[in-house]
């Protein structure tokens, strides 16, 4: 609570969601949508599991051809996920 400056509820929420821990949790919740935007609808349809454990993203892909292609693009996927999330969410991507 502040006594010197009145804050609007929107300003208060913006400040709250900019905190690193909260921003990371929100980005983690949006990870399936972020993955879909990055790899596309078709590739996302072949993704059977996305799991984030200790900043390592595990993606299980059912297509062997797509799995191989995404394997070679792991670094680019990691950078794009972090860029779109706005926080350092993923340190490594493992394609299974």
PDB file of N, CA and C in Angstrom:
ATOM      1  N   UNK A   1       0.827  -1.184   0.000  1.00  0.00           N
ATOM      2  CA  UNK A   1       0.000   0.000   0.000  1.00  0.00           C
ATOM      3  C   UNK A   1       0.868   1.242   0.000  1.00  0.00           C
ATOM      4  N   UNK A   2       0.459   2.218  -0.745  1.00  0.00           N
ATOM      5  CA  UNK A   2       1.195   3.473  -0.787  1.00  0.00           C
ATOM      6  C   UNK A   2       0.326   4.604  -0.259  1.00  0.00           C
ATOM      7  N   UNK A   3       0.962   5.510   0.442  1.00  0.00           N
ATOM      8  CA  UNK A   3       0.232   6.652   0.969  1.00  0.00           C
ATOM      9  C   UNK A   3       0.527   7.926   0.175  1.00  0.00           C
ATOM     10  N   UNK A   4       1.645   7.928  -0.547  1.00  0.00           N
ATOM     11  CA  UNK A   4       2.047   9.163  -1.218  1.00  0.00           C
ATOM     12  C   UNK A   4       1.512   9.279  -2.636  1.00  0.00           C
ATOM     13  N   UNK A   5       1.397   8.167  -3.358  1.00  0.00           N
ATOM     14  CA  UNK A   5       0.958   8.237  -4.746  1.00  0.00           C
ATOM     15  C   UNK A   5      -0.121   7.184  -4.980  1.00  0.00           C
ATOM     16  N   UNK A   6      -1.219   7.627  -5.494  1.00  0.00           N
ATOM     17  CA  UNK A   6      -2.302   6.708  -5.810  1.00  0.00           C
ATOM     18  C   UNK A   6      -1.969   5.977  -7.105  1.00  0.00           C
ATOM     19  N   UNK A   7      -2.197   4.689  -7.117  1.00  0.00           N
ATOM     20  CA  UNK A   7      -1.931   3.885  -8.317  1.00  0.00           C
ATOM     21  C   UNK A   7      -3.242   3.315  -8.838  1.00  0.00           C
ATOM     22  N   UNK A   8      -3.340   3.276 -10.141  1.00  0.00           N
ATOM     23  CA  UNK A   8      -4.494   2.648 -10.770  1.00  0.00           C
ATOM     24  C   UNK A   8      -4.298   1.136 -10.708  1.00  0.00           C
ATOM     25  N   UNK A   9      -5.373   0.401 -10.740  1.00  0.00           N
ATOM     26  CA  UNK A   9      -5.296  -1.048 -10.648  1.00  0.00           C
ATOM     27  C   UNK A   9      -4.494  -1.618 -11.821  1.00  0.00           C
ATOM     28  N   UNK A  10      -4.638  -1.083 -13.007  1.00  0.00           N
ATOM     29  CA  UNK A  10      -3.880  -1.543 -14.171  1.00  0.00           C
ATOM     30  C   UNK A  10      -2.388  -1.359 -13.980  1.00  0.00           C
ATOM     31  N   UNK A  11      -1.972  -0.227 -13.422  1.00  0.00           N
ATOM     32  CA  UNK A  11      -0.558   0.028 -13.157  1.00  0.00           C
ATOM     33  C   UNK A  11      -0.016  -0.962 -12.135  1.00  0.00           C
ATOM     34  N   UNK A  12      -0.820  -1.236 -11.139  1.00  0.00           N
ATOM     35  CA  UNK A  12      -0.426  -2.172 -10.098  1.00  0.00           C
ATOM     36  C   UNK A  12      -0.241  -3.583 -10.668  1.00  0.00           C
ATOM     37  N   UNK A  13      -1.167  -4.007 -11.522  1.00  0.00           N
ATOM     38  CA  UNK A  13      -1.054  -5.325 -12.141  1.00  0.00           C
ATOM     39  C   UNK A  13       0.133  -5.400 -13.091  1.00  0.00           C
ATOM     40  N   UNK A  14       0.377  -4.336 -13.864  1.00  0.00           N
ATOM     41  CA  UNK A  14       1.541  -4.313 -14.757  1.00  0.00           C
ATOM     42  C   UNK A  14       2.832  -4.466 -13.969  1.00  0.00           C
ATOM     43  N   UNK A  15       2.925  -3.752 -12.858  1.00  0.00           N
ATOM     44  CA  UNK A  15       4.111  -3.837 -12.009  1.00  0.00           C
ATOM     45  C   UNK A  15       4.270  -5.244 -11.433  1.00  0.00           C
ATOM     46  N   UNK A  16       3.151  -5.843 -11.042  1.00  0.00           N
ATOM     47  CA  UNK A  16       3.178  -7.190 -10.472  1.00  0.00           C
ATOM     48  C   UNK A  16       3.661  -8.210 -11.499  1.00  0.00           C
ATOM     49  N   UNK A  17       3.138  -8.162 -12.729  1.00  0.00           N
ATOM     50  CA  UNK A  17       3.491  -9.145 -13.754  1.00  0.00           C
ATOM     51  C   UNK A  17       4.877  -8.931 -14.340  1.00  0.00           C
ATOM     52  N   UNK A  18       5.524  -7.817 -14.060  1.00  0.00           N
ATOM     53  CA  UNK A  18       6.888  -7.576 -14.524  1.00  0.00           C
ATOM     54  C   UNK A  18       7.933  -8.165 -13.578  1.00  0.00           C
ATOM     55  N   UNK A  19       7.522  -8.605 -12.424  1.00  0.00           N
ATOM     56  CA  UNK A  19       8.470  -9.233 -11.503  1.00  0.00           C
ATOM     57  C   UNK A  19       8.999 -10.514 -12.154  1.00  0.00           C
ATOM     58  N   UNK A  20      10.309 -10.764 -12.058  1.00  0.00           N
ATOM     59  CA  UNK A  20      10.906 -11.892 -12.784  1.00  0.00           C
ATOM     60  C   UNK A  20      10.255 -13.251 -12.518  1.00  0.00           C
ATOM     61  N   UNK A  21       9.974 -13.559 -11.273  1.00  0.00           N
ATOM     62  CA  UNK A  21       9.391 -14.865 -10.957  1.00  0.00           C
ATOM     63  C   UNK A  21       7.992 -14.994 -11.563  1.00  0.00           C
ATOM     64  N   UNK A  22       7.199 -13.956 -11.421  1.00  0.00           N
ATOM     65  CA  UNK A  22       5.825 -13.981 -11.945  1.00  0.00           C
ATOM     66  C   UNK A  22       5.845 -14.025 -13.466  1.00  0.00           C
ATOM     67  N   UNK A  23       6.716 -13.226 -14.081  1.00  0.00           N
ATOM     68  CA  UNK A  23       6.817 -13.208 -15.544  1.00  0.00           C
ATOM     69  C   UNK A  23       7.228 -14.582 -16.072  1.00  0.00           C
ATOM     70  N   UNK A  24       8.125 -15.258 -15.378  1.00  0.00           N
ATOM     71  CA  UNK A  24       8.556 -16.599 -15.799  1.00  0.00           C
ATOM     72  C   UNK A  24       7.410 -17.602 -15.684  1.00  0.00           C
ATOM     73  N   UNK A  25       6.631 -17.521 -14.629  1.00  0.00           N
ATOM     74  CA  UNK A  25       5.504 -18.437 -14.445  1.00  0.00           C
ATOM     75  C   UNK A  25       4.424 -18.199 -15.506  1.00  0.00           C
ATOM     76  N   UNK A  26       4.175 -16.949 -15.845  1.00  0.00           N
ATOM     77  CA  UNK A  26       3.198 -16.639 -16.889  1.00  0.00           C
ATOM     78  C   UNK A  26       3.695 -17.165 -18.234  1.00  0.00           C
ATOM     79  N   UNK A  27       4.985 -16.957 -18.523  1.00  0.00           N
ATOM     80  CA  UNK A  27       5.570 -17.444 -19.773  1.00  0.00           C
ATOM     81  C   UNK A  27       5.521 -18.971 -19.832  1.00  0.00           C
ATOM     82  N   UNK A  28       5.728 -19.626 -18.716  1.00  0.00           N
ATOM     83  CA  UNK A  28       5.663 -21.086 -18.661  1.00  0.00           C
ATOM     84  C   UNK A  28       4.246 -21.575 -18.970  1.00  0.00           C
ATOM     85  N   UNK A  29       3.266 -20.862 -18.485  1.00  0.00           N
ATOM     86  CA  UNK A  29       1.876 -21.216 -18.764  1.00  0.00           C
ATOM     87  C   UNK A  29       1.505 -21.022 -20.227  1.00  0.00           C
ATOM     88  N   UNK A  30       2.142 -20.070 -20.873  1.00  0.00           N
ATOM     89  CA  UNK A  30       1.871 -19.794 -22.284  1.00  0.00           C
ATOM     90  C   UNK A  30       2.761 -20.611 -23.220  1.00  0.00           C
ATOM     91  N   UNK A  31       3.602 -21.471 -22.683  1.00  0.00           N
ATOM     92  CA  UNK A  31       4.568 -22.222 -23.491  1.00  0.00           C
ATOM     93  C   UNK A  31       3.932 -23.033 -24.621  1.00  0.00           C
ATOM     94  N   UNK A  32       2.833 -23.754 -24.401  1.00  0.00           N
ATOM     95  CA  UNK A  32       2.226 -24.488 -25.524  1.00  0.00           C
ATOM     96  C   UNK A  32       1.805 -23.568 -26.678  1.00  0.00           C
ATOM     97  N   UNK A  33       1.262 -22.411 -26.357  1.00  0.00           N
ATOM     98  CA  UNK A  33       0.878 -21.460 -27.406  1.00  0.00           C
ATOM     99  C   UNK A  33       2.106 -20.874 -28.095  1.00  0.00           C
ATOM    100  N   UNK A  34       3.142 -20.581 -27.328  1.00  0.00           N
ATOM    101  CA  UNK A  34       4.387 -20.054 -27.900  1.00  0.00           C
ATOM    102  C   UNK A  34       5.006 -21.089 -28.824  1.00  0.00           C
ATOM    103  N   UNK A  35       5.028 -22.344 -28.402  1.00  0.00           N
ATOM    104  CA  UNK A  35       5.565 -23.433 -29.226  1.00  0.00           C
ATOM    105  C   UNK A  35       4.794 -23.514 -30.552  1.00  0.00           C
ATOM    106  N   UNK A  36       3.472 -23.441 -30.467  1.00  0.00           N
ATOM    107  CA  UNK A  36       2.626 -23.515 -31.660  1.00  0.00           C
ATOM    108  C   UNK A  36       2.915 -22.358 -32.612  1.00  0.00           C
ATOM    109  N   UNK A  37       3.122 -21.169 -32.084  1.00  0.00           N
ATOM    110  CA  UNK A  37       3.421 -20.007 -32.937  1.00  0.00           C
ATOM    111  C   UNK A  37       4.787 -20.148 -33.600  1.00  0.00           C
ATOM    112  N   UNK A  38       5.744 -20.740 -32.920  1.00  0.00           N
ATOM    113  CA  UNK A  38       7.108 -20.852 -33.452  1.00  0.00           C
ATOM    114  C   UNK A  38       7.210 -21.958 -34.501  1.00  0.00           C
ATOM    115  N   UNK A  39       6.728 -23.144 -34.185  1.00  0.00           N
ATOM    116  CA  UNK A  39       6.895 -24.278 -35.101  1.00  0.00           C
ATOM    117  C   UNK A  39       5.771 -24.390 -36.123  1.00  0.00           C
ATOM    118  N   UNK A  40       4.649 -23.760 -35.879  1.00  0.00           N
ATOM    119  CA  UNK A  40       3.520 -23.813 -36.802  1.00  0.00           C
ATOM    120  C   UNK A  40       2.494 -24.852 -36.383  1.00  0.00           C
ATOM    121  N   UNK A  41       1.315 -24.718 -36.950  1.00  0.00           N
ATOM    122  CA  UNK A  41       0.198 -25.601 -36.592  1.00  0.00           C
ATOM    123  C   UNK A  41       0.486 -27.057 -36.924  1.00  0.00           C
ATOM    124  N   UNK A  42       1.054 -27.280 -38.099  1.00  0.00           N
ATOM    125  CA  UNK A  42       1.298 -28.647 -38.566  1.00  0.00           C
ATOM    126  C   UNK A  42       2.286 -29.375 -37.649  1.00  0.00           C
ATOM    127  N   UNK A  43       3.402 -28.720 -37.339  1.00  0.00           N
ATOM    128  CA  UNK A  43       4.411 -29.331 -36.474  1.00  0.00           C
ATOM    129  C   UNK A  43       3.889 -29.481 -35.045  1.00  0.00           C
ATOM    130  N   UNK A  44       3.103 -28.524 -34.599  1.00  0.00           N
ATOM    131  CA  UNK A  44       2.543 -28.606 -33.246  1.00  0.00           C
ATOM    132  C   UNK A  44       1.587 -29.793 -33.121  1.00  0.00           C
ATOM    133  N   UNK A  45       0.942 -30.157 -34.226  1.00  0.00           N
ATOM    134  CA  UNK A  45       0.036 -31.302 -34.199  1.00  0.00           C
ATOM    135  C   UNK A  45       0.803 -32.608 -33.958  1.00  0.00           C
ATOM    136  N   UNK A  46       2.066 -32.659 -34.366  1.00  0.00           N
ATOM    137  CA  UNK A  46       2.899 -33.847 -34.144  1.00  0.00           C
ATOM    138  C   UNK A  46       3.604 -33.830 -32.789  1.00  0.00           C
ATOM    139  N   UNK A  47       3.455 -32.757 -32.040  1.00  0.00           N
ATOM    140  CA  UNK A  47       4.056 -32.655 -30.708  1.00  0.00           C
ATOM    141  C   UNK A  47       3.122 -33.330 -29.715  1.00  0.00           C
ATOM    142  N   UNK A  48       3.587 -34.421 -29.135  1.00  0.00           N
ATOM    143  CA  UNK A  48       2.734 -35.168 -28.210  1.00  0.00           C
ATOM    144  C   UNK A  48       2.941 -34.758 -26.755  1.00  0.00           C
ATOM    145  N   UNK A  49       4.090 -34.145 -26.458  1.00  0.00           N
ATOM    146  CA  UNK A  49       4.361 -33.734 -25.074  1.00  0.00           C
ATOM    147  C   UNK A  49       5.349 -32.571 -25.062  1.00  0.00           C
ATOM    148  N   UNK A  50       5.063 -31.580 -24.250  1.00  0.00           N
ATOM    149  CA  UNK A  50       5.974 -30.463 -23.959  1.00  0.00           C
ATOM    150  C   UNK A  50       6.114 -30.401 -22.454  1.00  0.00           C
ATOM    151  N   UNK A  51       7.347 -30.472 -21.971  1.00  0.00           N
ATOM    152  CA  UNK A  51       7.566 -30.462 -20.526  1.00  0.00           C
ATOM    153  C   UNK A  51       8.769 -29.590 -20.227  1.00  0.00           C
ATOM    154  N   UNK A  52       8.639 -28.692 -19.279  1.00  0.00           N
ATOM    155  CA  UNK A  52       9.725 -27.811 -18.871  1.00  0.00           C
ATOM    156  C   UNK A  52      10.171 -28.219 -17.464  1.00  0.00           C
ATOM    157  N   UNK A  53      11.429 -28.679 -17.360  1.00  0.00           N
ATOM    158  CA  UNK A  53      11.988 -29.113 -16.077  1.00  0.00           C
ATOM    159  C   UNK A  53      13.341 -28.437 -15.909  1.00  0.00           C
ATOM    160  N   UNK A  54      13.480 -27.629 -14.864  1.00  0.00           N
ATOM    161  CA  UNK A  54      14.741 -26.933 -14.572  1.00  0.00           C
ATOM    162  C   UNK A  54      15.290 -26.178 -15.789  1.00  0.00           C
ATOM    163  N   UNK A  55      14.421 -25.451 -16.452  1.00  0.00           N
ATOM    164  CA  UNK A  55      14.777 -24.628 -17.623  1.00  0.00           C
ATOM    165  C   UNK A  55      15.219 -25.456 -18.826  1.00  0.00           C
ATOM    166  N   UNK A  56      14.885 -26.727 -18.844  1.00  0.00           N
ATOM    167  CA  UNK A  56      15.150 -27.579 -20.005  1.00  0.00           C
ATOM    168  C   UNK A  56      13.800 -27.991 -20.581  1.00  0.00           C
ATOM    169  N   UNK A  57      13.593 -27.680 -21.855  1.00  0.00           N
ATOM    170  CA  UNK A  57      12.332 -28.006 -22.518  1.00  0.00           C
ATOM    171  C   UNK A  57      12.469 -29.355 -23.207  1.00  0.00           C
ATOM    172  N   UNK A  58      11.610 -30.291 -22.828  1.00  0.00           N
ATOM    173  CA  UNK A  58      11.562 -31.602 -23.454  1.00  0.00           C
ATOM    174  C   UNK A  58      10.356 -31.627 -24.387  1.00  0.00           C
ATOM    175  N   UNK A  59      10.602 -31.871 -25.666  1.00  0.00           N
ATOM    176  CA  UNK A  59       9.523 -31.926 -26.654  1.00  0.00           C
ATOM    177  C   UNK A  59       9.514 -33.318 -27.269  1.00  0.00           C
ATOM    178  N   UNK A  60       8.401 -34.011 -27.153  1.00  0.00           N
ATOM    179  CA  UNK A  60       8.262 -35.339 -27.746  1.00  0.00           C
ATOM    180  C   UNK A  60       7.497 -35.169 -29.063  1.00  0.00           C
ATOM    181  N   UNK A  61       8.122 -35.611 -30.154  1.00  0.00           N
ATOM    182  CA  UNK A  61       7.580 -35.452 -31.496  1.00  0.00           C
ATOM    183  C   UNK A  61       7.287 -36.839 -32.067  1.00  0.00           C
ATOM    184  N   UNK A  62       6.115 -37.021 -32.654  1.00  0.00           N
ATOM    185  CA  UNK A  62       5.735 -38.341 -33.158  1.00  0.00           C
ATOM    186  C   UNK A  62       6.236 -38.614 -34.578  1.00  0.00           C
ATOM    187  N   UNK A  63       6.611 -37.597 -35.317  1.00  0.00           N
ATOM    188  CA  UNK A  63       7.112 -37.772 -36.680  1.00  0.00           C
ATOM    189  C   UNK A  63       8.639 -37.798 -36.675  1.00  0.00           C
ATOM    190  N   UNK A  64       9.228 -38.863 -37.224  1.00  0.00           N
ATOM    191  CA  UNK A  64      10.689 -38.967 -37.217  1.00  0.00           C
ATOM    192  C   UNK A  64      11.344 -37.911 -38.106  1.00  0.00           C
ATOM    193  N   UNK A  65      10.717 -37.555 -39.208  1.00  0.00           N
ATOM    194  CA  UNK A  65      11.272 -36.530 -40.103  1.00  0.00           C
ATOM    195  C   UNK A  65      11.257 -35.167 -39.405  1.00  0.00           C
ATOM    196  N   UNK A  66      10.152 -34.829 -38.793  1.00  0.00           N
ATOM    197  CA  UNK A  66      10.040 -33.556 -38.074  1.00  0.00           C
ATOM    198  C   UNK A  66      10.967 -33.543 -36.863  1.00  0.00           C
ATOM    199  N   UNK A  67      11.090 -34.670 -36.191  1.00  0.00           N
ATOM    200  CA  UNK A  67      11.981 -34.777 -35.038  1.00  0.00           C
ATOM    201  C   UNK A  67      13.417 -34.439 -35.443  1.00  0.00           C
ATOM    202  N   UNK A  68      13.859 -34.979 -36.567  1.00  0.00           N
ATOM    203  CA  UNK A  68      15.210 -34.716 -37.065  1.00  0.00           C
ATOM    204  C   UNK A  68      15.392 -33.234 -37.413  1.00  0.00           C
ATOM    205  N   UNK A  69      14.402 -32.651 -38.070  1.00  0.00           N
ATOM    206  CA  UNK A  69      14.475 -31.242 -38.457  1.00  0.00           C
ATOM    207  C   UNK A  69      14.541 -30.328 -37.229  1.00  0.00           C
ATOM    208  N   UNK A  70      13.695 -30.593 -36.250  1.00  0.00           N
ATOM    209  CA  UNK A  70      13.703 -29.777 -35.032  1.00  0.00           C
ATOM    210  C   UNK A  70      14.960 -30.002 -34.208  1.00  0.00           C
ATOM    211  N   UNK A  71      15.515 -31.200 -34.271  1.00  0.00           N
ATOM    212  CA  UNK A  71      16.758 -31.478 -33.564  1.00  0.00           C
ATOM    213  C   UNK A  71      17.862 -30.532 -34.026  1.00  0.00           C
ATOM    214  N   UNK A  72      17.941 -30.295 -35.324  1.00  0.00           N
ATOM    215  CA  UNK A  72      18.976 -29.410 -35.866  1.00  0.00           C
ATOM    216  C   UNK A  72      18.692 -27.939 -35.581  1.00  0.00           C
ATOM    217  N   UNK A  73      17.473 -27.613 -35.199  1.00  0.00           N
ATOM    218  CA  UNK A  73      17.100 -26.219 -34.931  1.00  0.00           C
ATOM    219  C   UNK A  73      16.913 -25.933 -33.448  1.00  0.00           C
ATOM    220  N   UNK A  74      17.473 -26.764 -32.588  1.00  0.00           N
ATOM    221  CA  UNK A  74      17.282 -26.614 -31.139  1.00  0.00           C
ATOM    222  C   UNK A  74      17.714 -25.248 -30.613  1.00  0.00           C
ATOM    223  N   UNK A  75      18.880 -24.787 -31.033  1.00  0.00           N
ATOM    224  CA  UNK A  75      19.388 -23.495 -30.538  1.00  0.00           C
ATOM    225  C   UNK A  75      18.481 -22.346 -30.976  1.00  0.00           C
ATOM    226  N   UNK A  76      18.046 -22.382 -32.223  1.00  0.00           N
ATOM    227  CA  UNK A  76      17.146 -21.337 -32.720  1.00  0.00           C
ATOM    228  C   UNK A  76      15.798 -21.385 -32.007  1.00  0.00           C
ATOM    229  N   UNK A  77      15.311 -22.581 -31.726  1.00  0.00           N
ATOM    230  CA  UNK A  77      14.054 -22.712 -30.977  1.00  0.00           C
ATOM    231  C   UNK A  77      14.186 -22.112 -29.584  1.00  0.00           C
ATOM    232  N   UNK A  78      15.285 -22.432 -28.922  1.00  0.00           N
ATOM    233  CA  UNK A  78      15.525 -21.905 -27.569  1.00  0.00           C
ATOM    234  C   UNK A  78      15.540 -20.377 -27.577  1.00  0.00           C
ATOM    235  N   UNK A  79      16.273 -19.800 -28.498  1.00  0.00           N
ATOM    236  CA  UNK A  79      16.376 -18.335 -28.568  1.00  0.00           C
ATOM    237  C   UNK A  79      15.027 -17.694 -28.885  1.00  0.00           C
ATOM    238  N   UNK A  80      14.274 -18.296 -29.782  1.00  0.00           N
ATOM    239  CA  UNK A  80      12.971 -17.719 -30.147  1.00  0.00           C
ATOM    240  C   UNK A  80      11.958 -17.836 -29.013  1.00  0.00           C
ATOM    241  N   UNK A  81      11.977 -18.943 -28.294  1.00  0.00           N
ATOM    242  CA  UNK A  81      11.082 -19.092 -27.134  1.00  0.00           C
ATOM    243  C   UNK A  81      11.405 -18.031 -26.093  1.00  0.00           C
ATOM    244  N   UNK A  82      12.685 -17.844 -25.803  1.00  0.00           N
ATOM    245  CA  UNK A  82      13.084 -16.836 -24.819  1.00  0.00           C
ATOM    246  C   UNK A  82      12.747 -15.424 -25.287  1.00  0.00           C
ATOM    247  N   UNK A  83      12.920 -15.159 -26.572  1.00  0.00           N
ATOM    248  CA  UNK A  83      12.621 -13.825 -27.103  1.00  0.00           C
ATOM    249  C   UNK A  83      11.125 -13.534 -27.002  1.00  0.00           C
ATOM    250  N   UNK A  84      10.311 -14.480 -27.399  1.00  0.00           N
ATOM    251  CA  UNK A  84       8.857 -14.268 -27.349  1.00  0.00           C
ATOM    252  C   UNK A  84       8.325 -14.237 -25.926  1.00  0.00           C
ATOM    253  N   UNK A  85       8.966 -14.975 -25.025  1.00  0.00           N
ATOM    254  CA  UNK A  85       8.522 -15.001 -23.631  1.00  0.00           C
ATOM    255  C   UNK A  85       8.907 -13.730 -22.885  1.00  0.00           C
ATOM    256  N   UNK A  86       9.996 -13.107 -23.301  1.00  0.00           N
ATOM    257  CA  UNK A  86      10.452 -11.908 -22.618  1.00  0.00           C
ATOM    258  C   UNK A  86      11.289 -12.197 -21.382  1.00  0.00           C
ATOM    259  N   UNK A  87      11.499 -13.454 -21.082  1.00  0.00           N
ATOM    260  CA  UNK A  87      12.336 -13.870 -19.951  1.00  0.00           C
ATOM    261  C   UNK A  87      13.199 -15.041 -20.397  1.00  0.00           C
ATOM    262  N   UNK A  88      14.230 -15.317 -19.633  1.00  0.00           N
ATOM    263  CA  UNK A  88      15.108 -16.469 -19.921  1.00  0.00           C
ATOM    264  C   UNK A  88      14.419 -17.713 -19.370  1.00  0.00           C
ATOM    265  N   UNK A  89      13.535 -18.288 -20.164  1.00  0.00           N
ATOM    266  CA  UNK A  89      12.712 -19.404 -19.727  1.00  0.00           C
ATOM    267  C   UNK A  89      13.375 -20.748 -19.994  1.00  0.00           C
ATOM    268  N   UNK A  90      14.057 -20.873 -21.138  1.00  0.00           N
ATOM    269  CA  UNK A  90      14.618 -22.155 -21.579  1.00  0.00           C
ATOM    270  C   UNK A  90      16.115 -22.029 -21.758  1.00  0.00           C
ATOM    271  N   UNK A  91      16.876 -22.949 -21.164  1.00  0.00           N
ATOM    272  CA  UNK A  91      18.316 -22.997 -21.357  1.00  0.00           C
ATOM    273  C   UNK A  91      18.728 -24.020 -22.406  1.00  0.00           C
ATOM    274  N   UNK A  92      17.885 -25.026 -22.620  1.00  0.00           N
ATOM    275  CA  UNK A  92      18.173 -26.067 -23.607  1.00  0.00           C
ATOM    276  C   UNK A  92      16.875 -26.694 -24.078  1.00  0.00           C
ATOM    277  N   UNK A  93      16.894 -27.187 -25.308  1.00  0.00           N
ATOM    278  CA  UNK A  93      15.737 -27.892 -25.875  1.00  0.00           C
ATOM    279  C   UNK A  93      16.187 -29.305 -26.200  1.00  0.00           C
ATOM    280  N   UNK A  94      15.446 -30.284 -25.708  1.00  0.00           N
ATOM    281  CA  UNK A  94      15.738 -31.680 -26.011  1.00  0.00           C
ATOM    282  C   UNK A  94      14.549 -32.233 -26.786  1.00  0.00           C
ATOM    283  N   UNK A  95      14.841 -32.736 -27.978  1.00  0.00           N
ATOM    284  CA  UNK A  95      13.815 -33.289 -28.848  1.00  0.00           C
ATOM    285  C   UNK A  95      13.852 -34.803 -28.712  1.00  0.00           C
ATOM    286  N   UNK A  96      12.719 -35.405 -28.382  1.00  0.00           N
ATOM    287  CA  UNK A  96      12.634 -36.860 -28.229  1.00  0.00           C
ATOM    288  C   UNK A  96      11.666 -37.421 -29.260  1.00  0.00           C
TER     289      UNK A  96
END
